[in-house]
Protein backbone atom coordinates (compact mmCIF):
# COMPACT_ATOMS: atom_id res chain seq x y z
CA MET A 1 31.48 -95.36 -66.43
CA ARG A 2 32.78 -92.34 -64.46
CA ALA A 3 36.54 -92.30 -64.78
CA LEU A 4 38.52 -93.26 -61.79
CA PRO A 5 41.17 -90.43 -60.54
CA LEU A 6 44.67 -91.03 -60.77
CA PHE A 7 45.49 -92.15 -57.17
CA ALA A 8 42.34 -94.88 -57.46
CA LEU A 9 43.93 -96.02 -60.43
CA ALA A 10 47.29 -96.44 -58.86
CA LEU A 11 45.90 -98.47 -56.35
CA LEU A 12 44.59 -100.77 -58.54
CA ILE A 13 48.13 -101.96 -60.22
CA PRO A 14 49.96 -104.93 -59.13
CA CYS A 15 52.66 -104.59 -56.96
CA ALA A 16 54.65 -106.38 -59.57
CA LEU A 17 54.85 -103.35 -61.77
CA LEU A 18 55.21 -100.63 -58.86
CA PRO A 19 58.85 -99.43 -58.09
CA ALA A 20 60.03 -101.47 -55.37
CA GLY A 21 58.92 -100.82 -52.02
CA GLY A 22 55.67 -99.01 -54.18
CA CYS A 23 53.26 -101.91 -52.23
CA GLY A 24 54.50 -101.06 -48.58
CA GLY A 25 52.22 -99.82 -45.96
CA SER A 26 48.89 -100.15 -47.60
CA ASP A 27 47.53 -98.02 -43.97
CA GLN A 28 48.92 -94.98 -45.37
CA PRO A 29 46.02 -92.29 -46.55
CA ALA A 30 46.34 -92.46 -50.32
CA GLY A 31 45.37 -88.83 -50.44
CA PRO A 32 43.69 -86.93 -52.96
CA ASP A 33 44.44 -86.09 -56.64
CA ALA A 34 45.41 -83.80 -58.72
CA GLY A 35 41.68 -82.03 -58.67
CA ALA A 36 41.92 -81.48 -55.09
CA THR A 37 40.35 -78.62 -53.38
CA GLU A 38 42.68 -76.15 -51.34
CA GLN A 39 41.35 -77.74 -47.97
CA GLN A 40 41.78 -81.14 -48.69
CA MET A 41 45.45 -80.33 -49.75
CA VAL A 42 45.93 -78.32 -46.54
CA ASP A 43 44.52 -81.24 -44.50
CA TYR A 44 46.38 -83.84 -46.26
CA PHE A 45 50.05 -81.71 -45.67
CA GLY A 46 48.95 -80.90 -42.15
CA LEU A 47 49.06 -76.97 -42.93
CA GLN A 48 46.09 -76.19 -40.69
CA THR A 49 46.88 -72.27 -39.40
CA GLY A 50 47.66 -72.55 -35.61
CA ARG A 51 48.13 -76.63 -35.76
CA CYS A 52 51.56 -76.76 -33.72
CA PHE A 53 53.86 -79.75 -33.96
CA GLU A 54 56.51 -79.95 -31.44
CA TYR A 55 59.50 -81.85 -31.05
CA THR A 56 62.65 -83.20 -29.46
CA SER A 57 66.29 -84.59 -30.57
CA ALA A 58 65.95 -86.83 -27.61
CA ASP A 59 64.30 -90.33 -28.01
CA THR A 60 61.72 -89.80 -25.45
CA LEU A 61 59.01 -87.35 -24.15
CA GLN A 62 60.88 -83.88 -22.80
CA GLN A 63 59.50 -81.30 -20.88
CA SER A 64 60.41 -78.48 -23.01
CA PRO A 65 60.76 -79.09 -26.80
CA ASP A 66 63.77 -78.40 -28.85
CA LEU A 67 61.63 -77.26 -32.23
CA GLY A 68 58.01 -75.93 -32.48
CA ILE A 69 56.59 -75.89 -36.21
CA VAL A 70 53.37 -73.69 -37.06
CA VAL A 71 51.60 -72.35 -39.83
CA GLU A 72 51.50 -68.84 -38.34
CA SER A 73 49.66 -66.53 -40.86
CA ILE A 74 48.39 -66.10 -44.45
CA ASP A 75 50.58 -63.93 -46.20
CA THR A 76 48.45 -61.81 -48.58
CA LYS A 77 50.75 -59.04 -49.70
CA SER A 78 54.21 -60.30 -50.13
CA PHE A 79 53.52 -62.61 -53.31
CA ALA A 80 50.76 -62.82 -56.36
CA VAL A 81 49.21 -65.47 -54.70
CA PRO A 82 48.34 -65.91 -50.70
CA THR A 83 50.80 -68.37 -49.01
CA ARG A 84 51.09 -69.92 -45.57
CA VAL A 85 53.80 -68.81 -43.53
CA ILE A 86 55.41 -71.97 -41.52
CA SER A 87 57.32 -70.92 -38.42
CA TYR A 88 60.16 -72.85 -37.46
CA SER A 89 61.26 -72.20 -33.64
CA THR A 90 64.10 -73.14 -31.86
CA GLY A 91 63.59 -71.23 -28.88
CA GLY A 92 63.16 -68.05 -31.09
CA VAL A 93 62.21 -68.19 -34.80
CA ALA A 94 64.81 -69.93 -36.68
CA MET A 95 63.21 -69.94 -39.75
CA ARG A 96 60.42 -69.29 -41.84
CA ASP A 97 58.99 -70.98 -44.90
CA TYR A 98 56.36 -69.12 -47.43
CA VAL A 99 54.43 -71.84 -49.36
CA ALA A 100 51.36 -72.34 -51.32
CA PHE A 101 49.53 -74.80 -53.73
CA GLN A 102 49.57 -74.63 -57.46
CA ASP A 103 48.11 -77.04 -59.56
CA ASN A 104 48.88 -80.25 -57.85
CA ALA A 105 51.80 -79.30 -55.57
CA LEU A 106 53.11 -77.50 -52.63
CA VAL A 107 55.43 -74.90 -53.70
CA LEU A 108 58.10 -72.83 -51.98
CA TYR A 109 58.11 -68.65 -52.69
CA LYS A 110 60.59 -68.22 -49.99
CA ARG A 111 62.72 -69.38 -47.35
CA GLU A 112 64.26 -66.82 -44.80
CA PHE A 113 66.38 -67.27 -41.49
CA PRO A 114 65.70 -64.19 -39.31
CA GLY A 115 69.10 -62.43 -39.01
CA GLY A 116 70.68 -64.49 -42.08
CA LYS A 117 69.93 -64.98 -45.72
CA SER A 118 66.66 -64.83 -47.34
CA TYR A 119 65.93 -67.05 -50.84
CA ILE A 120 63.39 -66.21 -52.80
CA TYR A 121 61.90 -68.39 -55.33
CA ASP A 122 60.88 -67.36 -58.74
CA PRO A 123 58.46 -68.77 -60.28
CA PRO A 124 58.01 -70.77 -57.04
CA MET A 125 59.89 -74.24 -56.36
CA LYS A 126 58.11 -77.10 -56.23
CA ARG A 127 58.57 -79.19 -52.98
CA LEU A 128 55.79 -81.88 -53.09
CA GLU A 129 53.47 -83.45 -55.67
CA LEU A 130 50.15 -84.83 -54.38
CA PRO A 131 49.71 -87.65 -53.52
CA VAL A 132 53.10 -88.05 -52.34
CA LEU A 133 53.83 -91.67 -53.56
CA PRO A 134 57.06 -93.82 -52.22
CA SER A 135 59.91 -95.02 -54.12
CA SER A 136 58.96 -91.79 -56.14
CA VAL A 137 61.57 -89.00 -57.47
CA LEU A 138 60.87 -85.29 -58.21
CA ASN A 139 62.94 -82.69 -60.08
CA ALA A 140 62.09 -79.07 -59.95
CA THR A 141 63.80 -75.73 -61.18
CA SER A 142 63.68 -71.96 -60.03
CA ALA A 143 65.38 -68.96 -60.39
CA VAL A 144 66.79 -67.72 -56.93
CA THR A 145 67.53 -64.47 -55.82
CA ILE A 146 69.67 -64.94 -52.11
CA ARG A 147 70.14 -61.70 -49.56
CA ASP A 148 72.21 -61.57 -46.55
CA GLY A 149 70.95 -60.51 -43.35
CA ALA A 150 71.22 -56.88 -44.02
CA GLY A 151 69.30 -56.90 -47.33
CA ARG A 152 72.54 -57.21 -49.87
CA VAL A 153 71.83 -59.44 -52.94
CA LEU A 154 74.31 -62.51 -52.73
CA ALA A 155 73.00 -63.68 -55.85
CA ASP A 156 70.56 -62.59 -58.12
CA LYS A 157 68.38 -64.93 -60.41
CA GLU A 158 70.70 -67.65 -59.56
CA ALA A 159 69.73 -71.15 -61.35
CA HIS A 160 68.86 -73.74 -58.66
CA SER A 161 67.56 -77.49 -59.35
CA LEU A 162 66.10 -79.70 -56.57
CA ARG A 163 65.51 -83.10 -56.53
CA VAL A 164 63.48 -84.71 -54.06
CA ASP A 165 63.11 -88.69 -53.17
CA VAL A 166 60.77 -90.44 -51.57
CA TYR A 167 61.55 -93.56 -49.66
CA ALA A 168 59.60 -96.61 -49.19
CA LEU A 169 57.07 -96.62 -46.35
CA ALA A 170 58.83 -97.59 -43.15
CA ASP A 171 57.63 -97.75 -39.20
CA VAL A 172 58.66 -94.59 -37.19
CA ALA A 173 58.54 -94.73 -33.64
CA LEU A 174 57.88 -91.43 -32.10
CA PRO A 175 58.64 -89.68 -28.66
CA ILE A 176 54.54 -88.46 -29.08
CA ALA A 177 53.86 -92.33 -27.96
CA THR A 178 52.80 -93.69 -31.21
CA THR A 179 54.08 -95.55 -34.45
CA VAL A 180 53.28 -94.56 -37.62
CA SER A 181 54.04 -95.64 -41.46
CA ALA A 182 55.38 -92.60 -42.98
CA THR A 183 57.84 -91.81 -46.06
CA LYS A 184 61.39 -90.37 -45.53
CA ILE A 185 61.97 -87.87 -48.17
CA SER A 186 65.20 -86.26 -49.04
CA PHE A 187 65.35 -82.62 -50.66
CA ALA A 188 68.95 -81.87 -52.36
CA GLU A 189 69.04 -78.51 -54.06
CA THR A 190 72.10 -77.83 -56.07
CA LEU A 191 73.06 -75.23 -58.81
CA ALA A 192 71.06 -75.98 -62.05
CA ASP A 193 74.46 -75.92 -64.04
CA GLY A 194 75.92 -78.83 -61.86
CA ASN A 195 78.32 -76.74 -59.89
CA THR A 196 79.27 -78.77 -56.52
CA LYS A 197 77.55 -75.66 -54.50
CA ALA A 198 74.33 -77.08 -52.85
CA GLY A 199 72.17 -76.10 -50.23
CA ARG A 200 71.40 -76.92 -46.47
CA SER A 201 70.80 -80.76 -46.62
CA GLU A 202 67.39 -81.58 -45.69
CA VAL A 203 65.50 -84.93 -44.46
CA ARG A 204 61.71 -84.94 -43.85
CA THR A 205 59.47 -87.64 -42.54
CA PHE A 206 55.61 -87.31 -43.83
CA MET A 207 52.68 -88.95 -42.76
CA PRO A 208 49.49 -87.72 -45.08
CA GLY A 209 47.04 -86.13 -42.96
CA THR A 210 42.86 -86.57 -43.06
CA GLY A 211 42.24 -83.08 -41.80
CA ASP A 212 41.62 -84.75 -38.01
CA LYS A 213 43.52 -82.71 -35.51
CA ALA A 214 43.71 -84.86 -33.18
CA SER A 215 45.43 -87.63 -35.36
CA VAL A 216 49.43 -87.89 -35.55
CA ASP A 217 50.15 -86.94 -39.29
CA GLY A 218 51.96 -84.47 -41.57
CA LEU A 219 55.64 -83.70 -40.78
CA VAL A 220 56.55 -86.27 -37.90
CA ARG A 221 60.40 -85.83 -38.10
CA ILE A 222 63.02 -83.58 -39.44
CA ASP A 223 66.76 -83.64 -39.93
CA PHE A 224 67.57 -80.14 -40.46
CA ASN A 225 70.25 -77.81 -39.65
CA PHE A 226 68.22 -74.24 -38.41
CA ASN A 227 71.50 -72.51 -37.28
CA LEU A 228 73.06 -69.35 -39.12
CA ASP A 229 76.21 -70.86 -39.60
CA GLU A 230 75.17 -73.27 -42.49
CA THR A 231 78.33 -75.66 -41.74
CA SER A 232 76.65 -76.52 -38.34
CA GLN A 233 75.65 -80.57 -38.14
CA ASN A 234 72.14 -81.02 -38.66
CA VAL A 235 69.65 -82.26 -35.68
CA VAL A 236 66.86 -85.05 -35.96
CA TYR A 237 64.08 -83.49 -34.23
CA LYS A 238 61.29 -86.27 -33.27
CA LEU A 239 57.33 -85.09 -32.71
CA GLN A 240 56.39 -85.40 -29.32
CA LYS A 241 53.32 -83.68 -29.00
CA ILE A 242 50.93 -81.91 -31.53
CA ARG A 243 48.88 -78.56 -29.83
CA ASP A 244 45.71 -76.31 -31.44
CA LEU A 245 46.33 -72.85 -30.76
CA GLY A 246 43.57 -71.56 -32.68
CA ASP A 247 43.79 -68.78 -35.42
CA ASN A 248 46.02 -66.34 -33.38
CA PRO A 249 49.10 -68.58 -32.98
CA ALA A 250 51.59 -65.61 -32.58
CA THR A 251 49.49 -65.00 -28.98
CA ALA A 252 49.08 -67.89 -28.16
CA THR A 253 51.24 -68.76 -24.49
CA PRO A 254 53.31 -70.93 -24.71
CA PRO A 255 53.88 -70.20 -28.55
CA CYS A 256 54.86 -73.55 -30.58
CA GLY A 257 57.75 -74.53 -29.71
CA GLY A 258 58.05 -72.71 -26.01
CA THR A 259 58.55 -74.47 -22.59
CA PRO A 260 55.40 -74.87 -21.13
């Protein structure tokens, strides 16, 4: 008999043997296993180039989005492997993430705030493992080089740790006029030596994708502070629209997150 992949075996385990909340929302795609192809991982995490997610901080659809998120390009020069450059726009580019797939994980090579700080992770910081399982915890570490807006080094190979908590499935009502069963994911980054210094708090709500660009999946809600002032309050952004900008999102009109 052919061995079942790990995610398929997990579906056969009785609910009583899983962590609390681990059997909720059986309609959520289980996702590919650790042997997934890059395209399967792209589809699962909703990271197709040019697929634009637009959000509002209101509870209902608004004419102008408050946030746009899109994979704007593939960077083949900055790091040892090609990275997907995710642009976060709040009227202008507020943040970029440089991510790639390593084994069965989504990893972060760099995060930058144009005009502000940049963070380079070496080795890349593991952010999520595939499949994303409700009621699970991920711990990762990296050495981080931090630069200010002028390129001056503020910290060189500073040891950081990241704890990722994935919560139980829950129904999320969205301004895009649908309700999805998704998982809330909390990212808490601190110094590895236990110092009280911590990065920006971040919560993402995620619905695994299947590759269908017309479906509502991927990052459906984000709780984050995109302001250069790190002490500013987080804003909760809720998905209100998905657009396909094609292979050249930088030339799209309107741009992702721009007013129609």
